[in-house]
Amino acid sequence: MKAFLTCLTWASVIVAGASAILWFISASKWMNEYADDQKETRSDRMIFTRNGRKIDLVGTTANQSRWSAYAAIATGIVVLLQAIAAGIGPPA
Protein backbone atom coordinates (compact mmCIF):
# COMPACT_ATOMS: atom_id res chain seq x y z
CA MET A 1 0.00 0.00 0.00
CA LYS A 2 2.83 2.36 0.85
CA ALA A 3 4.43 1.74 -2.55
CA PHE A 4 1.13 2.54 -4.27
CA LEU A 5 0.83 5.82 -2.37
CA THR A 6 4.40 6.69 -3.29
CA CYS A 7 3.61 5.99 -6.96
CA LEU A 8 0.52 8.20 -6.78
CA THR A 9 2.52 11.00 -5.20
CA TRP A 10 5.25 10.82 -7.83
CA ALA A 11 2.67 10.61 -10.62
CA SER A 12 1.05 13.78 -9.34
CA VAL A 13 4.44 15.51 -9.13
CA ILE A 14 5.25 14.55 -12.72
CA VAL A 15 1.85 15.61 -14.07
CA ALA A 16 2.06 18.88 -12.10
CA GLY A 17 5.40 19.57 -13.77
CA ALA A 18 3.84 18.84 -17.17
CA SER A 19 1.00 21.20 -16.31
CA ALA A 20 3.45 23.97 -15.48
CA ILE A 21 5.26 23.41 -18.77
CA LEU A 22 1.98 23.49 -20.71
CA TRP A 23 0.97 26.77 -19.08
CA PHE A 24 4.39 28.21 -19.87
CA ILE A 25 3.93 27.21 -23.51
CA SER A 26 0.52 28.87 -23.47
CA ALA A 27 1.99 32.07 -22.08
CA SER A 28 4.81 32.08 -24.60
CA LYS A 29 2.44 31.68 -27.56
CA TRP A 30 1.60 35.37 -27.38
CA MET A 31 2.00 37.07 -30.75
CA ASN A 32 3.40 34.04 -32.53
CA GLU A 33 0.58 33.36 -34.98
CA TYR A 34 1.68 35.07 -38.16
CA ALA A 35 -1.00 35.90 -40.69
CA ASP A 36 1.15 34.63 -43.54
CA ASP A 37 0.88 31.12 -42.08
CA GLN A 38 -2.93 31.16 -41.96
CA LYS A 39 -4.63 29.07 -44.64
CA GLU A 40 -7.93 30.83 -44.08
CA THR A 41 -8.34 34.49 -44.94
CA ARG A 42 -11.34 36.09 -43.24
CA SER A 43 -12.41 39.67 -42.96
CA ASP A 44 -13.01 39.39 -39.19
CA ARG A 45 -9.39 38.52 -38.42
CA MET A 46 -7.61 41.18 -36.40
CA ILE A 47 -4.32 41.52 -38.22
CA PHE A 48 -1.63 43.97 -37.17
CA THR A 49 2.06 44.37 -37.80
CA ARG A 50 4.85 43.68 -35.34
CA ASN A 51 8.49 43.86 -36.35
CA GLY A 52 7.46 43.92 -39.99
CA ARG A 53 5.36 40.74 -39.78
CA LYS A 54 1.60 40.44 -39.88
CA ILE A 55 0.16 38.92 -36.72
CA ASP A 56 -3.24 37.25 -36.42
CA LEU A 57 -4.63 38.17 -33.01
CA VAL A 58 -7.57 35.75 -33.27
CA GLY A 59 -5.28 32.86 -34.21
CA THR A 60 -2.88 33.69 -31.40
CA THR A 61 -5.70 33.82 -28.86
CA ALA A 62 -7.11 30.51 -30.10
CA ASN A 63 -3.69 28.89 -29.83
CA GLN A 64 -3.21 30.19 -26.27
CA SER A 65 -6.65 28.93 -25.32
CA ARG A 66 -5.88 25.45 -26.65
CA TRP A 67 -2.63 25.18 -24.66
CA SER A 68 -4.32 26.54 -21.52
CA ALA A 69 -6.97 23.83 -21.87
CA TYR A 70 -4.25 21.15 -21.99
CA ALA A 71 -2.70 22.62 -18.85
CA ALA A 72 -6.06 22.72 -17.08
CA ILE A 73 -6.68 19.06 -17.91
CA ALA A 74 -3.24 18.14 -16.54
CA THR A 75 -3.97 20.12 -13.37
CA GLY A 76 -7.28 18.27 -12.98
CA ILE A 77 -5.41 14.97 -13.20
CA VAL A 78 -3.02 16.16 -10.48
CA VAL A 79 -5.93 17.05 -8.19
CA LEU A 80 -7.54 13.65 -8.83
CA LEU A 81 -4.31 11.78 -8.06
CA GLN A 82 -3.82 13.76 -4.86
CA ALA A 83 -7.44 13.13 -3.81
CA ILE A 84 -7.05 9.39 -4.37
CA ALA A 85 -3.78 9.33 -2.43
CA ALA A 86 -5.31 11.30 0.44
CA GLY A 87 -8.46 9.16 0.45
CA ILE A 88 -6.71 5.81 0.69
CA GLY A 89 -3.69 6.93 2.68
CA PRO A 90 -3.29 6.61 6.42
CA PRO A 91 -4.68 9.52 8.43
CA ALA A 92 -2.12 12.17 9.18
PDB file of N, CA and C in Angstrom:
ATOM      1  N   MET A   1       0.824  -1.188   0.000  1.00  0.00           N
ATOM      2  CA  MET A   1       0.000   0.000   0.000  1.00  0.00           C
ATOM      3  C   MET A   1       0.872   1.257   0.000  1.00  0.00           C
ATOM      4  N   LYS A   2       1.953   1.206   0.780  1.00  0.00           N
ATOM      5  CA  LYS A   2       2.831   2.362   0.846  1.00  0.00           C
ATOM      6  C   LYS A   2       3.480   2.635  -0.512  1.00  0.00           C
ATOM      7  N   ALA A   3       3.833   1.577  -1.226  1.00  0.00           N
ATOM      8  CA  ALA A   3       4.434   1.735  -2.552  1.00  0.00           C
ATOM      9  C   ALA A   3       3.432   2.362  -3.519  1.00  0.00           C
ATOM     10  N   PHE A   4       2.168   1.970  -3.409  1.00  0.00           N
ATOM     11  CA  PHE A   4       1.134   2.537  -4.269  1.00  0.00           C
ATOM     12  C   PHE A   4       0.950   4.026  -3.989  1.00  0.00           C
ATOM     13  N   LEU A   5       0.947   4.408  -2.725  1.00  0.00           N
ATOM     14  CA  LEU A   5       0.826   5.817  -2.365  1.00  0.00           C
ATOM     15  C   LEU A   5       2.029   6.619  -2.857  1.00  0.00           C
ATOM     16  N   THR A   6       3.200   6.030  -2.779  1.00  0.00           N
ATOM     17  CA  THR A   6       4.402   6.688  -3.292  1.00  0.00           C
ATOM     18  C   THR A   6       4.299   6.891  -4.796  1.00  0.00           C
ATOM     19  N   CYS A   7       3.807   5.875  -5.503  1.00  0.00           N
ATOM     20  CA  CYS A   7       3.615   5.994  -6.961  1.00  0.00           C
ATOM     21  C   CYS A   7       2.611   7.094  -7.299  1.00  0.00           C
ATOM     22  N   LEU A   8       1.514   7.152  -6.546  1.00  0.00           N
ATOM     23  CA  LEU A   8       0.516   8.205  -6.778  1.00  0.00           C
ATOM     24  C   LEU A   8       1.120   9.586  -6.554  1.00  0.00           C
ATOM     25  N   THR A   9       1.894   9.711  -5.499  1.00  0.00           N
ATOM     26  CA  THR A   9       2.517  11.000  -5.202  1.00  0.00           C
ATOM     27  C   THR A   9       3.469  11.411  -6.311  1.00  0.00           C
ATOM     28  N   TRP A  10       4.317  10.487  -6.759  1.00  0.00           N
ATOM     29  CA  TRP A  10       5.253  10.816  -7.830  1.00  0.00           C
ATOM     30  C   TRP A  10       4.536  11.095  -9.145  1.00  0.00           C
ATOM     31  N   ALA A  11       3.451  10.358  -9.410  1.00  0.00           N
ATOM     32  CA  ALA A  11       2.673  10.610 -10.624  1.00  0.00           C
ATOM     33  C   ALA A  11       2.099  12.018 -10.592  1.00  0.00           C
ATOM     34  N   SER A  12       1.605  12.431  -9.435  1.00  0.00           N
ATOM     35  CA  SER A  12       1.051  13.783  -9.341  1.00  0.00           C
ATOM     36  C   SER A  12       2.133  14.843  -9.491  1.00  0.00           C
ATOM     37  N   VAL A  13       3.327  14.569  -8.980  1.00  0.00           N
ATOM     38  CA  VAL A  13       4.443  15.511  -9.132  1.00  0.00           C
ATOM     39  C   VAL A  13       4.818  15.647 -10.608  1.00  0.00           C
ATOM     40  N   ILE A  14       4.879  14.532 -11.308  1.00  0.00           N
ATOM     41  CA  ILE A  14       5.248  14.550 -12.723  1.00  0.00           C
ATOM     42  C   ILE A  14       4.188  15.273 -13.561  1.00  0.00           C
ATOM     43  N   VAL A  15       2.922  14.961 -13.308  1.00  0.00           N
ATOM     44  CA  VAL A  15       1.849  15.606 -14.074  1.00  0.00           C
ATOM     45  C   VAL A  15       1.769  17.095 -13.722  1.00  0.00           C
ATOM     46  N   ALA A  16       2.042  17.459 -12.467  1.00  0.00           N
ATOM     47  CA  ALA A  16       2.060  18.877 -12.100  1.00  0.00           C
ATOM     48  C   ALA A  16       3.167  19.611 -12.846  1.00  0.00           C
ATOM     49  N   GLY A  17       4.321  18.970 -12.981  1.00  0.00           N
ATOM     50  CA  GLY A  17       5.398  19.571 -13.771  1.00  0.00           C
ATOM     51  C   GLY A  17       4.995  19.741 -15.225  1.00  0.00           C
ATOM     52  N   ALA A  18       4.319  18.736 -15.785  1.00  0.00           N
ATOM     53  CA  ALA A  18       3.839  18.838 -17.165  1.00  0.00           C
ATOM     54  C   ALA A  18       2.830  19.970 -17.296  1.00  0.00           C
ATOM     55  N   SER A  19       1.984  20.114 -16.302  1.00  0.00           N
ATOM     56  CA  SER A  19       1.001  21.196 -16.313  1.00  0.00           C
ATOM     57  C   SER A  19       1.688  22.556 -16.324  1.00  0.00           C
ATOM     58  N   ALA A  20       2.711  22.705 -15.511  1.00  0.00           N
ATOM     59  CA  ALA A  20       3.454  23.971 -15.478  1.00  0.00           C
ATOM     60  C   ALA A  20       4.095  24.259 -16.828  1.00  0.00           C
ATOM     61  N   ILE A  21       4.643  23.228 -17.452  1.00  0.00           N
ATOM     62  CA  ILE A  21       5.263  23.409 -18.769  1.00  0.00           C
ATOM     63  C   ILE A  21       4.214  23.805 -19.803  1.00  0.00           C
ATOM     64  N   LEU A  22       3.049  23.156 -19.764  1.00  0.00           N
ATOM     65  CA  LEU A  22       1.983  23.489 -20.714  1.00  0.00           C
ATOM     66  C   LEU A  22       1.519  24.936 -20.544  1.00  0.00           C
ATOM     67  N   TRP A  23       1.392  25.380 -19.297  1.00  0.00           N
ATOM     68  CA  TRP A  23       0.974  26.766 -19.080  1.00  0.00           C
ATOM     69  C   TRP A  23       2.062  27.740 -19.525  1.00  0.00           C
ATOM     70  N   PHE A  24       3.302  27.370 -19.367  1.00  0.00           N
ATOM     71  CA  PHE A  24       4.387  28.211 -19.866  1.00  0.00           C
ATOM     72  C   PHE A  24       4.324  28.310 -21.391  1.00  0.00           C
ATOM     73  N   ILE A  25       4.066  27.187 -22.055  1.00  0.00           N
ATOM     74  CA  ILE A  25       3.925  27.207 -23.514  1.00  0.00           C
ATOM     75  C   ILE A  25       2.773  28.119 -23.910  1.00  0.00           C
ATOM     76  N   SER A  26       1.675  28.013 -23.185  1.00  0.00           N
ATOM     77  CA  SER A  26       0.516  28.868 -23.468  1.00  0.00           C
ATOM     78  C   SER A  26       0.880  30.339 -23.343  1.00  0.00           C
ATOM     79  N   ALA A  27       1.605  30.671 -22.293  1.00  0.00           N
ATOM     80  CA  ALA A  27       1.990  32.066 -22.076  1.00  0.00           C
ATOM     81  C   ALA A  27       2.975  32.551 -23.126  1.00  0.00           C
ATOM     82  N   SER A  28       3.812  31.663 -23.621  1.00  0.00           N
ATOM     83  CA  SER A  28       4.809  32.084 -24.602  1.00  0.00           C
ATOM     84  C   SER A  28       4.270  32.119 -26.026  1.00  0.00           C
ATOM     85  N   LYS A  29       3.044  31.673 -26.233  1.00  0.00           N
ATOM     86  CA  LYS A  29       2.437  31.679 -27.564  1.00  0.00           C
ATOM     87  C   LYS A  29       1.976  33.078 -27.975  1.00  0.00           C
ATOM     88  N   TRP A  30       2.071  34.028 -27.095  1.00  0.00           N
ATOM     89  CA  TRP A  30       1.599  35.375 -27.383  1.00  0.00           C
ATOM     90  C   TRP A  30       2.299  35.957 -28.605  1.00  0.00           C
ATOM     91  N   MET A  31       1.523  36.391 -29.541  1.00  0.00           N
ATOM     92  CA  MET A  31       1.999  37.072 -30.746  1.00  0.00           C
ATOM     93  C   MET A  31       2.861  36.192 -31.646  1.00  0.00           C
ATOM     94  N   ASN A  32       2.611  34.913 -31.674  1.00  0.00           N
ATOM     95  CA  ASN A  32       3.404  34.043 -32.534  1.00  0.00           C
ATOM     96  C   ASN A  32       2.636  33.514 -33.740  1.00  0.00           C
ATOM     97  N   GLU A  33       1.373  33.840 -33.861  1.00  0.00           N
ATOM     98  CA  GLU A  33       0.581  33.365 -34.984  1.00  0.00           C
ATOM     99  C   GLU A  33       0.660  34.395 -36.106  1.00  0.00           C
ATOM    100  N   TYR A  34       1.506  34.130 -37.059  1.00  0.00           N
ATOM    101  CA  TYR A  34       1.685  35.068 -38.157  1.00  0.00           C
ATOM    102  C   TYR A  34       0.611  34.861 -39.216  1.00  0.00           C
ATOM    103  N   ALA A  35       0.090  35.955 -39.731  1.00  0.00           N
ATOM    104  CA  ALA A  35      -1.002  35.902 -40.692  1.00  0.00           C
ATOM    105  C   ALA A  35      -0.586  35.209 -41.981  1.00  0.00           C
ATOM    106  N   ASP A  36       0.686  35.283 -42.323  1.00  0.00           N
ATOM    107  CA  ASP A  36       1.155  34.633 -43.544  1.00  0.00           C
ATOM    108  C   ASP A  36       0.985  33.116 -43.467  1.00  0.00           C
ATOM    109  N   ASP A  37       0.983  32.565 -42.258  1.00  0.00           N
ATOM    110  CA  ASP A  37       0.879  31.123 -42.079  1.00  0.00           C
ATOM    111  C   ASP A  37      -0.565  30.639 -42.053  1.00  0.00           C
ATOM    112  N   GLN A  38      -1.526  31.547 -42.029  1.00  0.00           N
ATOM    113  CA  GLN A  38      -2.928  31.161 -41.964  1.00  0.00           C
ATOM    114  C   GLN A  38      -3.423  30.715 -43.336  1.00  0.00           C
ATOM    115  N   LYS A  39      -4.077  29.565 -43.384  1.00  0.00           N
ATOM    116  CA  LYS A  39      -4.631  29.070 -44.642  1.00  0.00           C
ATOM    117  C   LYS A  39      -5.957  29.753 -44.954  1.00  0.00           C
ATOM    118  N   GLU A  40      -6.616  30.229 -43.914  1.00  0.00           N
ATOM    119  CA  GLU A  40      -7.933  30.829 -44.077  1.00  0.00           C
ATOM    120  C   GLU A  40      -7.820  32.348 -43.980  1.00  0.00           C
ATOM    121  N   THR A  41      -8.342  33.032 -44.970  1.00  0.00           N
ATOM    122  CA  THR A  41      -8.344  34.488 -44.941  1.00  0.00           C
ATOM    123  C   THR A  41      -9.774  34.941 -44.695  1.00  0.00           C
ATOM    124  N   ARG A  42      -9.994  35.610 -43.588  1.00  0.00           N
ATOM    125  CA  ARG A  42     -11.336  36.088 -43.242  1.00  0.00           C
ATOM    126  C   ARG A  42     -11.259  37.569 -42.928  1.00  0.00           C
ATOM    127  N   SER A  43     -12.375  38.220 -43.189  1.00  0.00           N
ATOM    128  CA  SER A  43     -12.409  39.667 -42.958  1.00  0.00           C
ATOM    129  C   SER A  43     -12.458  40.019 -41.474  1.00  0.00           C
ATOM    130  N   ASP A  44     -12.899  39.081 -40.620  1.00  0.00           N
ATOM    131  CA  ASP A  44     -13.012  39.393 -39.191  1.00  0.00           C
ATOM    132  C   ASP A  44     -11.717  39.109 -38.418  1.00  0.00           C
ATOM    133  N   ARG A  45     -10.676  38.730 -39.085  1.00  0.00           N
ATOM    134  CA  ARG A  45      -9.392  38.517 -38.421  1.00  0.00           C
ATOM    135  C   ARG A  45      -8.791  39.869 -38.046  1.00  0.00           C
ATOM    136  N   MET A  46      -8.274  39.955 -36.836  1.00  0.00           N
ATOM    137  CA  MET A  46      -7.608  41.176 -36.400  1.00  0.00           C
ATOM    138  C   MET A  46      -6.132  41.025 -36.710  1.00  0.00           C
ATOM    139  N   ILE A  47      -5.696  41.622 -37.780  1.00  0.00           N
ATOM    140  CA  ILE A  47      -4.316  41.517 -38.224  1.00  0.00           C
ATOM    141  C   ILE A  47      -3.605  42.838 -37.928  1.00  0.00           C
ATOM    142  N   PHE A  48      -2.438  42.769 -37.344  1.00  0.00           N
ATOM    143  CA  PHE A  48      -1.630  43.966 -37.167  1.00  0.00           C
ATOM    144  C   PHE A  48      -0.169  43.596 -37.361  1.00  0.00           C
ATOM    145  N   THR A  49       0.648  44.585 -37.459  1.00  0.00           N
ATOM    146  CA  THR A  49       2.055  44.371 -37.796  1.00  0.00           C
ATOM    147  C   THR A  49       2.926  44.526 -36.562  1.00  0.00           C
ATOM    148  N   ARG A  50       3.866  43.608 -36.417  1.00  0.00           N
ATOM    149  CA  ARG A  50       4.850  43.676 -35.337  1.00  0.00           C
ATOM    150  C   ARG A  50       6.190  43.265 -35.936  1.00  0.00           C
ATOM    151  N   ASN A  51       7.152  44.122 -35.814  1.00  0.00           N
ATOM    152  CA  ASN A  51       8.492  43.860 -36.354  1.00  0.00           C
ATOM    153  C   ASN A  51       8.450  43.496 -37.838  1.00  0.00           C
ATOM    154  N   GLY A  52       7.551  44.142 -38.557  1.00  0.00           N
ATOM    155  CA  GLY A  52       7.465  43.919 -39.989  1.00  0.00           C
ATOM    156  C   GLY A  52       6.710  42.672 -40.402  1.00  0.00           C
ATOM    157  N   ARG A  53       6.121  41.950 -39.458  1.00  0.00           N
ATOM    158  CA  ARG A  53       5.359  40.740 -39.781  1.00  0.00           C
ATOM    159  C   ARG A  53       3.909  40.929 -39.392  1.00  0.00           C
ATOM    160  N   LYS A  54       3.023  40.382 -40.192  1.00  0.00           N
ATOM    161  CA  LYS A  54       1.595  40.444 -39.881  1.00  0.00           C
ATOM    162  C   LYS A  54       1.262  39.392 -38.829  1.00  0.00           C
ATOM    163  N   ILE A  55       0.513  39.818 -37.821  1.00  0.00           N
ATOM    164  CA  ILE A  55       0.162  38.925 -36.719  1.00  0.00           C
ATOM    165  C   ILE A  55      -1.361  38.794 -36.657  1.00  0.00           C
ATOM    166  N   ASP A  56      -1.815  37.556 -36.524  1.00  0.00           N
ATOM    167  CA  ASP A  56      -3.237  37.251 -36.423  1.00  0.00           C
ATOM    168  C   ASP A  56      -3.609  37.148 -34.944  1.00  0.00           C
ATOM    169  N   LEU A  57      -4.283  38.146 -34.425  1.00  0.00           N
ATOM    170  CA  LEU A  57      -4.634  38.166 -33.007  1.00  0.00           C
ATOM    171  C   LEU A  57      -5.621  37.060 -32.655  1.00  0.00           C
ATOM    172  N   VAL A  58      -6.595  36.804 -33.535  1.00  0.00           N
ATOM    173  CA  VAL A  58      -7.575  35.752 -33.271  1.00  0.00           C
ATOM    174  C   VAL A  58      -6.892  34.381 -33.243  1.00  0.00           C
ATOM    175  N   GLY A  59      -5.999  34.131 -34.188  1.00  0.00           N
ATOM    176  CA  GLY A  59      -5.284  32.857 -34.212  1.00  0.00           C
ATOM    177  C   GLY A  59      -4.390  32.679 -33.004  1.00  0.00           C
ATOM    178  N   THR A  60      -3.736  33.748 -32.582  1.00  0.00           N
ATOM    179  CA  THR A  60      -2.878  33.693 -31.401  1.00  0.00           C
ATOM    180  C   THR A  60      -3.704  33.371 -30.162  1.00  0.00           C
ATOM    181  N   THR A  61      -4.834  34.043 -30.020  1.00  0.00           N
ATOM    182  CA  THR A  61      -5.701  33.816 -28.864  1.00  0.00           C
ATOM    183  C   THR A  61      -6.241  32.389 -28.859  1.00  0.00           C
ATOM    184  N   ALA A  62      -6.621  31.885 -30.012  1.00  0.00           N
ATOM    185  CA  ALA A  62      -7.115  30.506 -30.104  1.00  0.00           C
ATOM    186  C   ALA A  62      -6.023  29.511 -29.721  1.00  0.00           C
ATOM    187  N   ASN A  63      -4.805  29.773 -30.156  1.00  0.00           N
ATOM    188  CA  ASN A  63      -3.691  28.890 -29.827  1.00  0.00           C
ATOM    189  C   ASN A  63      -3.398  28.905 -28.330  1.00  0.00           C
ATOM    190  N   GLN A  64      -3.422  30.089 -27.731  1.00  0.00           N
ATOM    191  CA  GLN A  64      -3.210  30.190 -26.275  1.00  0.00           C
ATOM    192  C   GLN A  64      -4.303  29.436 -25.529  1.00  0.00           C
ATOM    193  N   SER A  65      -5.527  29.582 -25.977  1.00  0.00           N
ATOM    194  CA  SER A  65      -6.647  28.926 -25.323  1.00  0.00           C
ATOM    195  C   SER A  65      -6.501  27.405 -25.372  1.00  0.00           C
ATOM    196  N   ARG A  66      -6.073  26.890 -26.496  1.00  0.00           N
ATOM    197  CA  ARG A  66      -5.881  25.448 -26.651  1.00  0.00           C
ATOM    198  C   ARG A  66      -4.832  24.935 -25.662  1.00  0.00           C
ATOM    199  N   TRP A  67      -3.692  25.621 -25.570  1.00  0.00           N
ATOM    200  CA  TRP A  67      -2.634  25.181 -24.655  1.00  0.00           C
ATOM    201  C   TRP A  67      -3.049  25.336 -23.197  1.00  0.00           C
ATOM    202  N   SER A  68      -3.822  26.369 -22.889  1.00  0.00           N
ATOM    203  CA  SER A  68      -4.317  26.538 -21.515  1.00  0.00           C
ATOM    204  C   SER A  68      -5.275  25.409 -21.158  1.00  0.00           C
ATOM    205  N   ALA A  69      -6.060  24.953 -22.123  1.00  0.00           N
ATOM    206  CA  ALA A  69      -6.965  23.828 -21.869  1.00  0.00           C
ATOM    207  C   ALA A  69      -6.171  22.558 -21.555  1.00  0.00           C
ATOM    208  N   TYR A  70      -5.092  22.313 -22.289  1.00  0.00           N
ATOM    209  CA  TYR A  70      -4.252  21.150 -21.994  1.00  0.00           C
ATOM    210  C   TYR A  70      -3.696  21.239 -20.571  1.00  0.00           C
ATOM    211  N   ALA A  71      -3.251  22.423 -20.195  1.00  0.00           N
ATOM    212  CA  ALA A  71      -2.697  22.616 -18.849  1.00  0.00           C
ATOM    213  C   ALA A  71      -3.767  22.418 -17.783  1.00  0.00           C
ATOM    214  N   ALA A  72      -4.976  22.891 -18.043  1.00  0.00           N
ATOM    215  CA  ALA A  72      -6.065  22.721 -17.075  1.00  0.00           C
ATOM    216  C   ALA A  72      -6.419  21.242 -16.903  1.00  0.00           C
ATOM    217  N   ILE A  73      -6.410  20.495 -17.993  1.00  0.00           N
ATOM    218  CA  ILE A  73      -6.675  19.055 -17.910  1.00  0.00           C
ATOM    219  C   ILE A  73      -5.594  18.372 -17.077  1.00  0.00           C
ATOM    220  N   ALA A  74      -4.340  18.721 -17.317  1.00  0.00           N
ATOM    221  CA  ALA A  74      -3.240  18.136 -16.543  1.00  0.00           C
ATOM    222  C   ALA A  74      -3.373  18.489 -15.063  1.00  0.00           C
ATOM    223  N   THR A  75      -3.778  19.710 -14.761  1.00  0.00           N
ATOM    224  CA  THR A  75      -3.967  20.115 -13.370  1.00  0.00           C
ATOM    225  C   THR A  75      -5.106  19.330 -12.724  1.00  0.00           C
ATOM    226  N   GLY A  76      -6.169  19.091 -13.485  1.00  0.00           N
ATOM    227  CA  GLY A  76      -7.278  18.275 -12.981  1.00  0.00           C
ATOM    228  C   GLY A  76      -6.829  16.860 -12.646  1.00  0.00           C
ATOM    229  N   ILE A  77      -5.944  16.301 -13.466  1.00  0.00           N
ATOM    230  CA  ILE A  77      -5.411  14.966 -13.196  1.00  0.00           C
ATOM    231  C   ILE A  77      -4.588  14.972 -11.905  1.00  0.00           C
ATOM    232  N   VAL A  78      -3.808  16.034 -11.712  1.00  0.00           N
ATOM    233  CA  VAL A  78      -3.017  16.158 -10.476  1.00  0.00           C
ATOM    234  C   VAL A  78      -3.937  16.177  -9.253  1.00  0.00           C
ATOM    235  N   VAL A  79      -4.986  16.962  -9.314  1.00  0.00           N
ATOM    236  CA  VAL A  79      -5.925  17.048  -8.187  1.00  0.00           C
ATOM    237  C   VAL A  79      -6.564  15.685  -7.928  1.00  0.00           C
ATOM    238  N   LEU A  80      -6.941  14.982  -8.983  1.00  0.00           N
ATOM    239  CA  LEU A  80      -7.540  13.654  -8.830  1.00  0.00           C
ATOM    240  C   LEU A  80      -6.557  12.674  -8.185  1.00  0.00           C
ATOM    241  N   LEU A  81      -5.317  12.670  -8.645  1.00  0.00           N
ATOM    242  CA  LEU A  81      -4.313  11.780  -8.058  1.00  0.00           C
ATOM    243  C   LEU A  81      -4.084  12.094  -6.584  1.00  0.00           C
ATOM    244  N   GLN A  82      -4.017  13.376  -6.261  1.00  0.00           N
ATOM    245  CA  GLN A  82      -3.819  13.762  -4.859  1.00  0.00           C
ATOM    246  C   GLN A  82      -5.019  13.370  -4.008  1.00  0.00           C
ATOM    247  N   ALA A  83      -6.234  13.508  -4.552  1.00  0.00           N
ATOM    248  CA  ALA A  83      -7.439  13.131  -3.809  1.00  0.00           C
ATOM    249  C   ALA A  83      -7.474  11.628  -3.554  1.00  0.00           C
ATOM    250  N   ILE A  84      -7.085  10.849  -4.545  1.00  0.00           N
ATOM    251  CA  ILE A  84      -7.050   9.394  -4.368  1.00  0.00           C
ATOM    252  C   ILE A  84      -6.012   9.030  -3.314  1.00  0.00           C
ATOM    253  N   ALA A  85      -4.832   9.633  -3.403  1.00  0.00           N
ATOM    254  CA  ALA A  85      -3.783   9.328  -2.428  1.00  0.00           C
ATOM    255  C   ALA A  85      -4.214   9.718  -1.019  1.00  0.00           C
ATOM    256  N   ALA A  86      -4.857  10.856  -0.879  1.00  0.00           N
ATOM    257  CA  ALA A  86      -5.310  11.300   0.441  1.00  0.00           C
ATOM    258  C   ALA A  86      -6.453  10.424   0.951  1.00  0.00           C
ATOM    259  N   GLY A  87      -7.306   9.981   0.048  1.00  0.00           N
ATOM    260  CA  GLY A  87      -8.457   9.165   0.453  1.00  0.00           C
ATOM    261  C   GLY A  87      -8.081   7.781   0.916  1.00  0.00           C
ATOM    262  N   ILE A  88      -7.067   7.174   0.309  1.00  0.00           N
ATOM    263  CA  ILE A  88      -6.712   5.806   0.690  1.00  0.00           C
ATOM    264  C   ILE A  88      -5.509   5.750   1.630  1.00  0.00           C
ATOM    265  N   GLY A  89      -4.870   6.885   1.830  1.00  0.00           N
ATOM    266  CA  GLY A  89      -3.686   6.928   2.681  1.00  0.00           C
ATOM    267  C   GLY A  89      -4.049   6.882   4.148  1.00  0.00           C
ATOM    268  N   PRO A  90      -3.055   6.621   4.977  1.00  0.00           N
ATOM    269  CA  PRO A  90      -3.289   6.614   6.422  1.00  0.00           C
ATOM    270  C   PRO A  90      -3.577   8.026   6.908  1.00  0.00           C
ATOM    271  N   PRO A  91      -4.408   8.176   7.916  1.00  0.00           N
ATOM    272  CA  PRO A  91      -4.682   9.516   8.430  1.00  0.00           C
ATOM    273  C   PRO A  91      -3.428  10.172   8.979  1.00  0.00           C
ATOM    274  N   ALA A  92      -3.322  11.452   8.742  1.00  0.00           N
ATOM    275  CA  ALA A  92      -2.122  12.172   9.180  1.00  0.00           C
ATOM    276  C   ALA A  92      -2.169  12.505  10.649  1.00  0.00           C
TER     277      ALA A  92
END
